[in-house]
């Protein structure tokens, strides 16, 4: 059931991703990245963006 939810969210995000659009996602579950293929990732750790 949780996997279905991740897939539904990923489909919605992927549907709006175009070369002219971008999406900012703040995630705690790394598993969603199995369904969304980001072109750029920033990681925040210890209040610093890397």
Protein backbone atom coordinates (compact mmCIF):
# COMPACT_ATOMS: atom_id res chain seq x y z
CA UNK A 1 0.00 0.00 0.00
CA UNK A 2 2.81 2.44 0.87
CA UNK A 3 4.59 1.54 -2.35
CA UNK A 4 1.42 2.34 -4.31
CA UNK A 5 1.30 5.74 -2.65
CA UNK A 6 4.93 6.45 -3.60
CA UNK A 7 4.24 5.40 -7.17
CA UNK A 8 1.17 7.68 -7.36
CA UNK A 9 3.14 10.66 -6.05
CA UNK A 10 6.02 9.89 -8.43
CA UNK A 11 3.66 9.71 -11.42
CA UNK A 12 2.20 13.09 -10.51
CA UNK A 13 5.65 14.66 -10.12
CA UNK A 14 6.97 13.10 -13.31
CA UNK A 15 3.95 14.39 -15.22
CA UNK A 16 4.89 18.03 -14.50
CA UNK A 17 8.64 17.68 -15.03
CA UNK A 18 9.62 19.30 -18.31
CA UNK A 19 12.70 21.23 -19.44
CA UNK A 20 10.78 24.42 -18.56
CA UNK A 21 9.45 23.26 -15.16
CA UNK A 22 11.17 22.24 -11.98
CA UNK A 23 10.04 20.71 -8.71
CA UNK A 24 11.43 21.26 -5.25
CA UNK A 25 10.90 18.22 -3.06
CA UNK A 26 11.89 17.88 0.54
CA UNK A 27 11.80 14.17 1.26
CA UNK A 28 12.55 11.92 4.17
CA UNK A 29 11.94 8.66 2.33
CA UNK A 30 14.72 7.87 -0.11
CA UNK A 31 12.59 5.14 -1.70
CA UNK A 32 10.67 7.68 -3.78
CA UNK A 33 13.85 8.18 -5.80
CA UNK A 34 13.28 4.70 -7.23
CA UNK A 35 10.34 6.16 -9.13
CA UNK A 36 11.48 9.76 -9.78
CA UNK A 37 14.67 10.36 -11.73
CA UNK A 38 15.88 13.81 -10.71
CA UNK A 39 18.31 15.74 -12.88
CA UNK A 40 19.84 17.51 -9.87
CA UNK A 41 19.95 16.71 -6.15
CA UNK A 42 21.04 18.91 -3.26
CA UNK A 43 21.56 17.27 0.11
CA UNK A 44 21.07 19.19 3.35
CA UNK A 45 23.03 17.81 6.27
CA UNK A 46 23.75 19.58 9.51
CA UNK A 47 21.98 22.73 8.25
CA UNK A 48 24.37 22.96 5.26
CA UNK A 49 23.48 22.47 1.61
CA UNK A 50 25.99 20.28 -0.21
